[in-house]
PDB file of N, CA and C in Angstrom:
ATOM      1  N   MET A   1     -24.510  -1.755  21.711  1.00  0.00           N
ATOM      2  CA  MET A   1     -24.126  -2.233  20.333  1.00  0.00           C
ATOM      3  C   MET A   1     -22.579  -3.193  20.301  1.00  0.00           C
ATOM      4  N   THR A   2     -22.718  -4.408  19.736  1.00  0.00           N
ATOM      5  CA  THR A   2     -21.256  -4.828  20.243  1.00  0.00           C
ATOM      6  C   THR A   2     -20.216  -3.875  19.049  1.00  0.00           C
ATOM      7  N   PHE A   3     -18.586  -4.959  19.774  1.00  0.00           N
ATOM      8  CA  PHE A   3     -18.014  -4.259  18.652  1.00  0.00           C
ATOM      9  C   PHE A   3     -17.671  -4.545  17.161  1.00  0.00           C
ATOM     10  N   THR A   4     -18.704  -5.739  17.236  1.00  0.00           N
ATOM     11  CA  THR A   4     -18.813  -5.976  15.756  1.00  0.00           C
ATOM     12  C   THR A   4     -19.725  -5.179  14.713  1.00  0.00           C
ATOM     13  N   GLU A   5     -20.817  -5.003  15.771  1.00  0.00           N
ATOM     14  CA  GLU A   5     -21.810  -4.285  14.882  1.00  0.00           C
ATOM     15  C   GLU A   5     -21.204  -2.828  14.838  1.00  0.00           C
ATOM     16  N   ARG A   6     -20.855  -2.510  15.371  1.00  0.00           N
ATOM     17  CA  ARG A   6     -20.033  -0.495  15.761  1.00  0.00           C
ATOM     18  C   ARG A   6     -19.527  -1.311  13.944  1.00  0.00           C
ATOM     19  N   LEU A   7     -18.685  -1.972  13.995  1.00  0.00           N
ATOM     20  CA  LEU A   7     -17.235  -1.273  13.093  1.00  0.00           C
ATOM     21  C   LEU A   7     -18.258  -1.702  11.842  1.00  0.00           C
ATOM     22  N   LYS A   8     -19.255  -3.043  11.779  1.00  0.00           N
ATOM     23  CA  LYS A   8     -19.543  -3.162  10.459  1.00  0.00           C
ATOM     24  C   LYS A   8     -20.618  -1.720  10.033  1.00  0.00           C
ATOM     25  N   LYS A   9     -21.445  -1.604  10.861  1.00  0.00           N
ATOM     26  CA  LYS A   9     -21.738  -0.212  11.173  1.00  0.00           C
ATOM     27  C   LYS A   9     -21.483   1.191   9.884  1.00  0.00           C
ATOM     28  N   LEU A  10     -20.043   1.289  10.575  1.00  0.00           N
ATOM     29  CA  LEU A  10     -19.155   2.305  10.276  1.00  0.00           C
ATOM     30  C   LEU A  10     -18.805   1.751   8.829  1.00  0.00           C
ATOM     31  N   LEU A  11     -18.521   0.713   8.231  1.00  0.00           N
ATOM     32  CA  LEU A  11     -17.943   0.188   6.920  1.00  0.00           C
ATOM     33  C   LEU A  11     -19.089   0.462   6.495  1.00  0.00           C
ATOM     34  N   ASP A  12     -20.558  -0.086   6.482  1.00  0.00           N
ATOM     35  CA  ASP A  12     -21.456  -0.295   5.428  1.00  0.00           C
ATOM     36  C   ASP A  12     -21.538   1.442   5.109  1.00  0.00           C
ATOM     37  N   ALA A  13     -21.495   2.277   6.014  1.00  0.00           N
ATOM     38  CA  ALA A  13     -21.943   4.024   5.856  1.00  0.00           C
ATOM     39  C   ALA A  13     -20.624   4.484   5.032  1.00  0.00           C
ATOM     40  N   ALA A  14     -19.356   3.843   4.988  1.00  0.00           N
ATOM     41  CA  ALA A  14     -18.200   4.606   4.277  1.00  0.00           C
ATOM     42  C   ALA A  14     -18.363   3.566   2.485  1.00  0.00           C
ATOM     43  N   GLY A  15     -19.595   3.078   2.350  1.00  0.00           N
ATOM     44  CA  GLY A  15     -19.243   2.171   1.599  1.00  0.00           C
ATOM     45  C   GLY A  15     -18.424   1.136   1.129  1.00  0.00           C
ATOM     46  N   ILE A  16     -17.698   0.291   2.272  1.00  0.00           N
ATOM     47  CA  ILE A  16     -16.624  -0.332   2.427  1.00  0.00           C
ATOM     48  C   ILE A  16     -17.780  -1.827   1.402  1.00  0.00           C
ATOM     49  N   ASP A  17     -17.171  -2.657   0.571  1.00  0.00           N
ATOM     50  CA  ASP A  17     -17.724  -3.713   0.238  1.00  0.00           C
ATOM     51  C   ASP A  17     -17.506  -5.028   1.009  1.00  0.00           C
ATOM     52  N   ALA A  18     -18.634  -6.395   0.803  1.00  0.00           N
ATOM     53  CA  ALA A  18     -18.689  -6.913   2.060  1.00  0.00           C
ATOM     54  C   ALA A  18     -17.118  -7.820   1.335  1.00  0.00           C
ATOM     55  N   LYS A  19     -16.673  -7.955   0.729  1.00  0.00           N
ATOM     56  CA  LYS A  19     -15.069  -8.518   0.914  1.00  0.00           C
ATOM     57  C   LYS A  19     -14.358  -7.604   1.415  1.00  0.00           C
ATOM     58  N   ASP A  20     -13.815  -6.541   1.188  1.00  0.00           N
ATOM     59  CA  ASP A  20     -12.982  -5.838   2.140  1.00  0.00           C
ATOM     60  C   ASP A  20     -13.477  -6.216   3.364  1.00  0.00           C
ATOM     61  N   GLN A  21     -14.969  -5.834   4.195  1.00  0.00           N
ATOM     62  CA  GLN A  21     -15.660  -5.891   5.442  1.00  0.00           C
ATOM     63  C   GLN A  21     -15.315  -6.908   5.705  1.00  0.00           C
ATOM     64  N   GLU A  22     -15.153  -8.120   5.327  1.00  0.00           N
ATOM     65  CA  GLU A  22     -15.000  -9.497   5.786  1.00  0.00           C
ATOM     66  C   GLU A  22     -12.921  -9.193   5.878  1.00  0.00           C
ATOM     67  N   VAL A  23     -12.303  -8.548   5.604  1.00  0.00           N
ATOM     68  CA  VAL A  23     -10.936  -8.678   5.363  1.00  0.00           C
ATOM     69  C   VAL A  23     -11.067  -7.914   7.275  1.00  0.00           C
ATOM     70  N   TRP A  24     -11.117  -6.605   7.170  1.00  0.00           N
ATOM     71  CA  TRP A  24     -11.937  -5.981   8.248  1.00  0.00           C
ATOM     72  C   TRP A  24     -12.103  -6.734   9.614  1.00  0.00           C
ATOM     73  N   LEU A  25     -12.490  -7.438   9.642  1.00  0.00           N
ATOM     74  CA  LEU A  25     -13.227  -7.962  10.781  1.00  0.00           C
ATOM     75  C   LEU A  25     -12.352  -9.366  11.171  1.00  0.00           C
ATOM     76  N   ARG A  26     -12.042  -9.774   9.504  1.00  0.00           N
ATOM     77  CA  ARG A  26     -11.036 -11.656   9.945  1.00  0.00           C
ATOM     78  C   ARG A  26      -9.592 -10.749  10.749  1.00  0.00           C
ATOM     79  N   ASN A  27      -9.199  -9.736  10.336  1.00  0.00           N
ATOM     80  CA  ASN A  27      -7.828  -9.481  11.349  1.00  0.00           C
ATOM     81  C   ASN A  27      -8.077  -8.190  12.496  1.00  0.00           C
ATOM     82  N   ILE A  28      -8.842  -7.808  12.738  1.00  0.00           N
ATOM     83  CA  ILE A  28      -9.074  -6.599  13.791  1.00  0.00           C
ATOM     84  C   ILE A  28      -8.984  -7.597  14.824  1.00  0.00           C
ATOM     85  N   TYR A  29      -9.553  -9.322  14.785  1.00  0.00           N
ATOM     86  CA  TYR A  29      -9.437  -9.948  15.892  1.00  0.00           C
ATOM     87  C   TYR A  29      -8.211 -10.615  15.936  1.00  0.00           C
ATOM     88  N   SER A  30      -7.307 -10.296  15.867  1.00  0.00           N
ATOM     89  CA  SER A  30      -6.226 -10.580  15.796  1.00  0.00           C
ATOM     90  C   SER A  30      -5.171  -9.679  16.818  1.00  0.00           C
ATOM     91  N   ILE A  31      -5.471  -8.234  16.839  1.00  0.00           N
ATOM     92  CA  ILE A  31      -4.730  -7.597  17.646  1.00  0.00           C
ATOM     93  C   ILE A  31      -5.618  -7.567  18.958  1.00  0.00           C
ATOM     94  N   PRO A  32      -4.650  -7.171  20.130  1.00  0.00           N
ATOM     95  CA  PRO A  32      -5.323  -7.109  21.053  1.00  0.00           C
ATOM     96  C   PRO A  32      -5.905  -6.167  21.018  1.00  0.00           C
ATOM     97  N   PHE A  33      -7.328  -6.726  22.396  1.00  0.00           N
ATOM     98  CA  PHE A  33      -8.553  -5.751  22.097  1.00  0.00           C
ATOM     99  C   PHE A  33      -8.430  -4.560  22.628  1.00  0.00           C
ATOM    100  N   GLN A  34      -7.390  -3.890  23.131  1.00  0.00           N
ATOM    101  CA  GLN A  34      -7.826  -2.243  23.551  1.00  0.00           C
ATOM    102  C   GLN A  34      -7.066  -1.705  22.530  1.00  0.00           C
ATOM    103  N   ASN A  35      -5.767  -1.919  21.599  1.00  0.00           N
ATOM    104  CA  ASN A  35      -5.909  -1.632  20.279  1.00  0.00           C
ATOM    105  C   ASN A  35      -6.832  -1.407  19.344  1.00  0.00           C
ATOM    106  N   ALA A  36      -7.567  -2.430  19.182  1.00  0.00           N
ATOM    107  CA  ALA A  36      -8.848  -2.992  18.639  1.00  0.00           C
ATOM    108  C   ALA A  36     -10.099  -1.840  18.791  1.00  0.00           C
ATOM    109  N   GLU A  37      -9.881  -1.611  20.137  1.00  0.00           N
ATOM    110  CA  GLU A  37     -11.202  -0.415  20.870  1.00  0.00           C
ATOM    111  C   GLU A  37     -10.635   0.922  20.436  1.00  0.00           C
ATOM    112  N   VAL A  38      -9.451   1.159  20.912  1.00  0.00           N
ATOM    113  CA  VAL A  38      -8.607   2.206  20.037  1.00  0.00           C
ATOM    114  C   VAL A  38      -9.068   2.813  18.322  1.00  0.00           C
ATOM    115  N   PHE A  39      -8.303   1.940  18.155  1.00  0.00           N
ATOM    116  CA  PHE A  39      -9.072   1.553  16.408  1.00  0.00           C
ATOM    117  C   PHE A  39     -10.379   1.726  16.113  1.00  0.00           C
ATOM    118  N   LEU A  40     -11.088   1.391  16.407  1.00  0.00           N
ATOM    119  CA  LEU A  40     -12.507   1.493  16.201  1.00  0.00           C
ATOM    120  C   LEU A  40     -12.757   3.046  16.935  1.00  0.00           C
ATOM    121  N   TYR A  41     -12.547   3.738  18.283  1.00  0.00           N
ATOM    122  CA  TYR A  41     -12.494   4.842  18.464  1.00  0.00           C
ATOM    123  C   TYR A  41     -12.242   5.792  17.454  1.00  0.00           C
ATOM    124  N   ILE A  42     -11.156   5.579  16.817  1.00  0.00           N
ATOM    125  CA  ILE A  42     -10.617   6.487  15.578  1.00  0.00           C
ATOM    126  C   ILE A  42     -11.273   6.191  14.531  1.00  0.00           C
ATOM    127  N   LEU A  43     -12.079   5.403  14.457  1.00  0.00           N
ATOM    128  CA  LEU A  43     -12.864   5.111  12.743  1.00  0.00           C
ATOM    129  C   LEU A  43     -14.232   6.130  13.209  1.00  0.00           C
ATOM    130  N   GLU A  44     -14.755   5.488  14.818  1.00  0.00           N
ATOM    131  CA  GLU A  44     -16.014   6.355  14.785  1.00  0.00           C
ATOM    132  C   GLU A  44     -16.115   8.154  14.921  1.00  0.00           C
ATOM    133  N   ARG A  45     -14.826   8.502  14.936  1.00  0.00           N
ATOM    134  CA  ARG A  45     -14.813  10.002  14.669  1.00  0.00           C
ATOM    135  C   ARG A  45     -14.401  10.236  13.544  1.00  0.00           C
ATOM    136  N   MET A  46     -14.149   9.632  12.697  1.00  0.00           N
ATOM    137  CA  MET A  46     -13.713  10.314  11.176  1.00  0.00           C
ATOM    138  C   MET A  46     -15.020  10.039  10.145  1.00  0.00           C
ATOM    139  N   GLU A  47     -14.947  10.969   9.412  1.00  0.00           N
ATOM    140  CA  GLU A  47     -16.301  10.652   8.014  1.00  0.00           C
ATOM    141  C   GLU A  47     -16.195   9.933   7.107  1.00  0.00           C
ATOM    142  N   ARG A  48     -17.311   9.734   6.178  1.00  0.00           N
ATOM    143  CA  ARG A  48     -17.070   8.225   5.499  1.00  0.00           C
ATOM    144  C   ARG A  48     -16.113   8.694   4.485  1.00  0.00           C
ATOM    145  N   ASP A  49     -16.178   9.899   4.040  1.00  0.00           N
ATOM    146  CA  ASP A  49     -14.763   9.462   3.082  1.00  0.00           C
ATOM    147  C   ASP A  49     -13.022   9.744   3.529  1.00  0.00           C
ATOM    148  N   ASP A  50     -13.502  10.149   4.660  1.00  0.00           N
ATOM    149  CA  ASP A  50     -11.959   9.417   5.317  1.00  0.00           C
ATOM    150  C   ASP A  50     -12.021   8.102   5.867  1.00  0.00           C
ATOM    151  N   ILE A  51     -12.975   7.081   6.202  1.00  0.00           N
ATOM    152  CA  ILE A  51     -13.148   6.093   6.088  1.00  0.00           C
ATOM    153  C   ILE A  51     -12.586   4.967   4.889  1.00  0.00           C
ATOM    154  N   ALA A  52     -13.587   5.919   3.533  1.00  0.00           N
ATOM    155  CA  ALA A  52     -12.553   4.966   2.342  1.00  0.00           C
ATOM    156  C   ALA A  52     -11.671   5.251   2.127  1.00  0.00           C
ATOM    157  N   PHE A  53     -10.723   6.800   2.408  1.00  0.00           N
ATOM    158  CA  PHE A  53      -9.271   6.597   2.379  1.00  0.00           C
ATOM    159  C   PHE A  53      -8.926   5.511   2.854  1.00  0.00           C
ATOM    160  N   PHE A  54      -8.976   5.719   4.492  1.00  0.00           N
ATOM    161  CA  PHE A  54      -8.438   4.506   5.482  1.00  0.00           C
ATOM    162  C   PHE A  54      -8.082   3.404   4.989  1.00  0.00           C
ATOM    163  N   ASN A  55      -9.660   2.713   3.689  1.00  0.00           N
ATOM    164  CA  ASN A  55      -9.644   1.423   3.470  1.00  0.00           C
ATOM    165  C   ASN A  55      -8.732   1.246   2.367  1.00  0.00           C
ATOM    166  N   ARG A  56      -8.566   2.120   1.704  1.00  0.00           N
ATOM    167  CA  ARG A  56      -7.533   1.820   0.470  1.00  0.00           C
ATOM    168  C   ARG A  56      -5.974   1.786   1.043  1.00  0.00           C
ATOM    169  N   ASN A  57      -5.786   2.316   2.366  1.00  0.00           N
ATOM    170  CA  ASN A  57      -4.392   1.942   2.740  1.00  0.00           C
ATOM    171  C   ASN A  57      -4.760   0.764   3.871  1.00  0.00           C
ATOM    172  N   LEU A  58      -5.771   0.172   3.976  1.00  0.00           N
ATOM    173  CA  LEU A  58      -5.540  -1.022   4.824  1.00  0.00           C
ATOM    174  C   LEU A  58      -4.605  -1.928   4.624  1.00  0.00           C
ATOM    175  N   LYS A  59      -4.020  -2.489   3.585  1.00  0.00           N
ATOM    176  CA  LYS A  59      -2.695  -3.496   3.544  1.00  0.00           C
ATOM    177  C   LYS A  59      -2.009  -3.416   4.382  1.00  0.00           C
ATOM    178  N   ASP A  60      -1.612  -2.204   4.477  1.00  0.00           N
ATOM    179  CA  ASP A  60      -0.553  -1.625   5.624  1.00  0.00           C
ATOM    180  C   ASP A  60      -0.625  -2.131   7.007  1.00  0.00           C
ATOM    181  N   LYS A  61      -1.905  -1.665   7.250  1.00  0.00           N
ATOM    182  CA  LYS A  61      -2.664  -2.133   8.606  1.00  0.00           C
ATOM    183  C   LYS A  61      -2.146  -3.499   8.551  1.00  0.00           C
ATOM    184  N   ILE A  62      -3.298  -4.610   7.616  1.00  0.00           N
ATOM    185  CA  ILE A  62      -2.968  -5.599   7.653  1.00  0.00           C
ATOM    186  C   ILE A  62      -1.931  -6.355   8.293  1.00  0.00           C
ATOM    187  N   ALA A  63      -0.718  -5.446   7.406  1.00  0.00           N
ATOM    188  CA  ALA A  63       0.218  -6.236   7.159  1.00  0.00           C
ATOM    189  C   ALA A  63       0.995  -6.047   8.690  1.00  0.00           C
ATOM    190  N   ALA A  64       0.625  -4.503   9.820  1.00  0.00           N
ATOM    191  CA  ALA A  64       1.064  -4.657  11.334  1.00  0.00           C
ATOM    192  C   ALA A  64       0.359  -5.681  11.828  1.00  0.00           C
ATOM    193  N   ILE A  65      -1.120  -5.757  11.505  1.00  0.00           N
ATOM    194  CA  ILE A  65      -1.698  -6.309  12.462  1.00  0.00           C
ATOM    195  C   ILE A  65      -1.657  -7.970  12.413  1.00  0.00           C
ATOM    196  N   HIS A  66      -1.232  -8.999  11.274  1.00  0.00           N
ATOM    197  CA  HIS A  66      -0.875  -9.905  10.913  1.00  0.00           C
ATOM    198  C   HIS A  66       0.672 -10.075  11.682  1.00  0.00           C
ATOM    199  N   GLY A  67       1.516  -9.307  11.578  1.00  0.00           N
ATOM    200  CA  GLY A  67       2.968  -9.463  11.629  1.00  0.00           C
ATOM    201  C   GLY A  67       2.998  -9.195  13.555  1.00  0.00           C
ATOM    202  N   LYS A  68       1.672  -8.501  13.887  1.00  0.00           N
ATOM    203  CA  LYS A  68       1.638  -8.452  15.152  1.00  0.00           C
ATOM    204  C   LYS A  68       3.060  -7.367  15.859  1.00  0.00           C
ATOM    205  N   ASP A  69       2.947  -6.889  15.187  1.00  0.00           N
ATOM    206  CA  ASP A  69       3.678  -5.883  14.886  1.00  0.00           C
ATOM    207  C   ASP A  69       3.773  -4.593  15.724  1.00  0.00           C
ATOM    208  N   GLU A  70       3.364  -4.427  17.168  1.00  0.00           N
ATOM    209  CA  GLU A  70       2.556  -3.786  17.754  1.00  0.00           C
ATOM    210  C   GLU A  70       2.826  -2.332  17.841  1.00  0.00           C
ATOM    211  N   LEU A  71       4.259  -2.022  17.173  1.00  0.00           N
ATOM    212  CA  LEU A  71       4.888  -0.356  16.843  1.00  0.00           C
ATOM    213  C   LEU A  71       4.684  -0.069  16.060  1.00  0.00           C
ATOM    214  N   ALA A  72       4.467  -0.737  14.988  1.00  0.00           N
ATOM    215  CA  ALA A  72       4.050  -0.214  13.651  1.00  0.00           C
ATOM    216  C   ALA A  72       2.332  -0.055  13.808  1.00  0.00           C
ATOM    217  N   LEU A  73       1.779  -0.664  14.462  1.00  0.00           N
ATOM    218  CA  LEU A  73       0.184  -0.749  14.496  1.00  0.00           C
ATOM    219  C   LEU A  73       0.194   0.162  15.414  1.00  0.00           C
ATOM    220  N   ALA A  74       0.815   0.548  16.548  1.00  0.00           N
ATOM    221  CA  ALA A  74       0.268   2.363  16.856  1.00  0.00           C
ATOM    222  C   ALA A  74       1.329   3.019  16.315  1.00  0.00           C
ATOM    223  N   GLU A  75       2.086   3.348  15.787  1.00  0.00           N
ATOM    224  CA  GLU A  75       2.474   4.384  14.478  1.00  0.00           C
ATOM    225  C   GLU A  75       1.319   4.899  13.386  1.00  0.00           C
ATOM    226  N   ILE A  76       0.925   3.832  13.114  1.00  0.00           N
ATOM    227  CA  ILE A  76      -0.433   3.802  12.065  1.00  0.00           C
ATOM    228  C   ILE A  76      -1.695   4.659  13.125  1.00  0.00           C
ATOM    229  N   LEU A  77      -1.824   4.267  14.482  1.00  0.00           N
ATOM    230  CA  LEU A  77      -2.575   4.905  15.110  1.00  0.00           C
ATOM    231  C   LEU A  77      -2.474   6.080  15.189  1.00  0.00           C
ATOM    232  N   ARG A  78      -1.037   6.429  15.568  1.00  0.00           N
ATOM    233  CA  ARG A  78      -1.080   7.821  15.862  1.00  0.00           C
ATOM    234  C   ARG A  78      -1.060   8.543  14.574  1.00  0.00           C
ATOM    235  N   ALA A  79      -0.881   8.246  13.430  1.00  0.00           N
ATOM    236  CA  ALA A  79      -0.574   9.330  12.390  1.00  0.00           C
ATOM    237  C   ALA A  79      -2.013   9.162  11.928  1.00  0.00           C
ATOM    238  N   GLU A  80      -3.083   8.042  12.214  1.00  0.00           N
ATOM    239  CA  GLU A  80      -4.764   8.404  12.028  1.00  0.00           C
ATOM    240  C   GLU A  80      -5.143   9.896  13.034  1.00  0.00           C
ATOM    241  N   VAL A  81      -4.768   9.614  14.394  1.00  0.00           N
ATOM    242  CA  VAL A  81      -5.091  10.820  15.414  1.00  0.00           C
ATOM    243  C   VAL A  81      -4.515  12.146  14.858  1.00  0.00           C
ATOM    244  N   ARG A  82      -3.288  12.060  14.305  1.00  0.00           N
ATOM    245  CA  ARG A  82      -2.520  13.020  13.502  1.00  0.00           C
ATOM    246  C   ARG A  82      -3.345  13.856  12.582  1.00  0.00           C
ATOM    247  N   PHE A  83      -4.106  12.569  11.688  1.00  0.00           N
ATOM    248  CA  PHE A  83      -4.809  13.254  10.830  1.00  0.00           C
ATOM    249  C   PHE A  83      -6.252  13.560  11.417  1.00  0.00           C
ATOM    250  N   LEU A  84      -6.450  13.245  12.301  1.00  0.00           N
ATOM    251  CA  LEU A  84      -8.161  13.693  12.778  1.00  0.00           C
ATOM    252  C   LEU A  84      -7.263  15.042  13.550  1.00  0.00           C
ATOM    253  N   GLU A  85      -6.595  14.968  13.777  1.00  0.00           N
ATOM    254  CA  GLU A  85      -6.454  16.512  15.102  1.00  0.00           C
ATOM    255  C   GLU A  85      -6.066  17.522  14.101  1.00  0.00           C
ATOM    256  N   ASN A  86      -5.916  17.161  12.598  1.00  0.00           N
ATOM    257  CA  ASN A  86      -5.180  18.373  11.759  1.00  0.00           C
ATOM    258  C   ASN A  86      -6.225  18.585  11.000  1.00  0.00           C
ATOM    259  N   LYS A  87      -7.147  18.227  10.920  1.00  0.00           N
ATOM    260  CA  LYS A  87      -8.516  18.239   9.868  1.00  0.00           C
ATOM    261  C   LYS A  87      -9.318  19.208  10.429  1.00  0.00           C
ATOM    262  N   PRO A  88      -9.070  20.427   9.440  1.00  0.00           N
ATOM    263  CA  PRO A  88     -10.565  21.547   9.557  1.00  0.00           C
ATOM    264  C   PRO A  88     -11.872  21.163   9.860  1.00  0.00           C
ATOM    265  N   ILE A  89     -12.684  21.944  10.666  1.00  0.00           N
ATOM    266  CA  ILE A  89     -13.601  21.231  11.278  1.00  0.00           C
ATOM    267  C   ILE A  89     -14.428  21.924  10.003  1.00  0.00           C
TER     268      ILE A  89
END
C-alpha cells in the first residue's frame, strides 16, 4: 500500500471529509519524506476519534508545513507522541 493510500484509508476511517483530505494530501508532500513517514506512523497508531480531533487542529500543522518550519513541525509531532504515550489503554 502506498503512502497516499495509507493516509487516505486513515482519513476515511476517521470520517475526514474530502475537502479536508485534499488539504492533508496537498500539504503533506511539502515536508521532508522522513517527517511525513513519522507523521503517518503516529496517525496509524491513533484511534479514529483522535484523528478527528487531530484534524481540528490541522490549521496549526499546515502553518508549520507551509512555513517549512521544521522546528514547529517537530514540536507538533512530539506533542502528538506525548498524547499517544499518555493515553490510557
